[in-house]
Each structure stands twice: as C-alpha cells, then as structure tokens.
Protein backbone atom coordinates (compact mmCIF):
# COMPACT_ATOMS: atom_id res chain seq x y z
CA GLN A 1 48.51 71.68 79.33
CA VAL A 2 50.07 71.34 82.75
CA GLN A 3 47.94 72.59 85.61
CA LEU A 4 48.32 72.58 89.36
CA VAL A 5 45.30 74.10 91.04
CA GLU A 6 45.42 74.72 94.77
CA SER A 7 42.33 75.19 96.89
CA GLY A 8 41.27 75.15 100.52
CA GLY A 9 42.97 78.28 101.78
CA GLY A 10 41.19 80.90 103.82
CA LEU A 11 40.95 82.64 107.16
CA VAL A 12 41.21 80.55 110.30
CA GLN A 13 41.68 81.35 113.97
CA PRO A 14 44.84 80.29 115.79
CA GLY A 15 44.52 76.66 116.78
CA GLY A 16 42.22 75.92 113.88
CA SER A 17 42.62 73.61 110.91
CA LEU A 18 42.61 73.80 107.15
CA ARG A 19 43.02 71.21 104.43
CA LEU A 20 44.70 72.33 101.25
CA SER A 21 44.26 70.43 98.01
CA CYS A 22 46.23 70.56 94.79
CA ALA A 23 44.67 69.02 91.71
CA ALA A 24 47.14 68.14 88.98
CA SER A 25 46.68 67.55 85.27
CA GLY A 26 48.73 67.47 82.09
CA PHE A 27 51.57 65.31 83.38
CA THR A 28 52.11 61.96 85.09
CA PHE A 29 51.19 62.69 88.68
CA SER A 30 52.07 59.26 90.07
CA THR A 31 55.74 59.57 89.08
CA SER A 32 56.15 63.08 90.49
CA ILE A 33 57.52 64.20 93.82
CA MET A 34 54.88 66.52 95.26
CA ARG A 35 55.72 69.35 97.61
CA TRP A 36 54.05 72.21 99.41
CA TYR A 37 55.89 75.49 99.78
CA ARG A 38 54.82 78.72 101.41
CA GLN A 39 55.82 82.34 101.18
CA ALA A 40 54.94 85.03 103.68
CA PRO A 41 55.21 88.74 102.84
CA GLY A 42 58.82 89.88 102.87
CA LYS A 43 60.14 86.36 103.30
CA GLU A 44 61.64 83.77 101.01
CA ARG A 45 59.62 80.84 99.77
CA GLU A 46 60.20 77.82 102.01
CA LEU A 47 59.56 74.12 101.73
CA VAL A 48 56.82 72.98 104.10
CA ALA A 49 56.34 69.33 103.22
CA GLY A 50 57.07 66.81 100.51
CA ILE A 51 55.94 63.34 99.50
CA THR A 52 57.74 61.02 97.14
CA VAL A 53 56.42 58.48 94.66
CA THR A 54 56.89 55.82 97.34
CA TYR A 55 54.91 57.91 99.84
CA SER A 56 57.91 58.89 101.95
CA THR A 57 57.31 62.25 103.58
CA ASN A 58 59.39 65.06 104.98
CA TYR A 59 58.43 68.21 106.85
CA LYS A 60 59.80 71.55 107.88
CA ASN A 61 60.68 71.24 111.57
CA SER A 62 58.23 73.89 112.70
CA VAL A 63 55.23 72.03 111.22
CA LYS A 64 56.12 68.48 112.28
CA GLY A 65 53.31 66.95 114.28
CA ARG A 66 50.83 69.57 113.05
CA PHE A 67 50.82 69.20 109.25
CA THR A 68 50.30 66.04 107.22
CA ILE A 69 50.96 65.70 103.50
CA SER A 70 49.25 62.95 101.54
CA ARG A 71 48.57 62.06 97.94
CA ASP A 72 45.84 60.26 96.02
CA ASN A 73 47.22 59.07 92.72
CA ALA A 74 43.79 57.96 91.56
CA LYS A 75 42.59 61.57 91.86
CA ASN A 76 45.88 63.22 90.85
CA THR A 77 45.68 65.26 94.01
CA VAL A 78 48.02 66.10 96.86
CA TYR A 79 46.75 67.34 100.19
CA LEU A 80 48.13 69.25 103.14
CA GLN A 81 46.21 68.84 106.36
CA MET A 82 47.14 71.67 108.69
CA ASN A 83 46.16 71.48 112.35
CA SER A 84 46.92 73.69 115.34
CA LEU A 85 47.59 76.60 113.04
CA LYS A 86 49.65 79.49 114.30
CA PRO A 87 49.87 83.09 113.09
CA GLU A 88 53.35 82.33 111.76
CA ASP A 89 51.83 79.74 109.41
CA ALA A 90 50.08 82.51 107.48
CA ALA A 91 51.39 82.68 103.92
CA VAL A 92 50.58 81.89 100.33
CA TYR A 93 50.88 78.13 99.95
CA TYR A 94 52.11 76.72 96.66
CA CYS A 95 51.95 73.24 95.24
CA ASP A 96 54.98 71.93 93.33
CA ALA A 97 55.45 68.85 91.14
CA LEU A 98 59.01 67.71 90.60
CA SER A 99 60.57 65.00 88.48
CA PRO A 100 64.36 65.01 88.37
CA TYR A 101 64.18 62.01 86.03
CA TYR A 102 61.93 63.67 83.45
CA GLY A 103 63.33 67.14 84.08
CA TYR A 104 60.31 69.16 85.11
CA ASP A 105 59.31 71.33 88.03
CA TYR A 106 55.77 72.68 87.85
CA TRP A 107 54.13 75.20 90.18
CA GLY A 108 50.59 76.15 91.04
CA GLN A 109 49.30 79.67 91.47
CA GLY A 110 49.05 79.51 95.25
CA THR A 111 46.34 79.74 97.86
CA GLN A 112 46.27 82.23 100.71
CA VAL A 113 46.21 81.03 104.30
CA THR A 114 45.51 83.64 106.96
CA VAL A 115 45.72 82.77 110.65
CA SER A 116 44.25 85.48 112.81
CA SER A 117 41.78 86.02 115.60
C-alpha cells in the first residue's frame, strides 16, 4: 500500500538545523511531484517547498535561502534541509506526493518541528 513516512523532526534552538526525510513506497516515486507542507497550531496548512520530476524547485518566500528540498529517486526519498531555523518555522511538517497525470495526491502522517530556546 501507499506509504509516506516522515522522520527527522524534533526540538532545535533558534538558528539550528534539521533535516527531514520522507520515505515513499507503494507508488512510482520518480514520476511524482514531491512537496513539503507545514501546519502550525491555529493556522492553515501551507506549502513550504516542492520539487518536480525534473528537479525544479520552488519555495515559500520566508524559507528561501534557508531551506533546501532534494530528492533521491534511487532511495524513493525526499528531503528538506532546514537551516537557520526560527521560532516561526515550528509546525508539523507533512510530505506530499502529487501526480496530476495519474490522479493521485498522497500525504504522510507528519513530523513535529519545534524551534525554541
């Protein structure tokens, strides 16, 4: 069955770094657009970063220059390297796999990121 399993979240001090991973299975990872979303308490879920099948990337303005999304098709994994973390980056981070062509949009269960001193 389809699975997206996020890992790498945790507690980090402001200015610190975390690397999130999302391991995918049960569908064709290499033909999927992969995205990271986040949702903070009381706020709507928002798109943080995305990477296409041709490795084009896009980022939410507030994370540009600090976050990097990447993918490893051999490992069916997408990553989000987060540097210079700020308290406002704290949220549950979700991995998403999208294929408009094949008509699916799969979500992981999320991983908590807490940024606090």
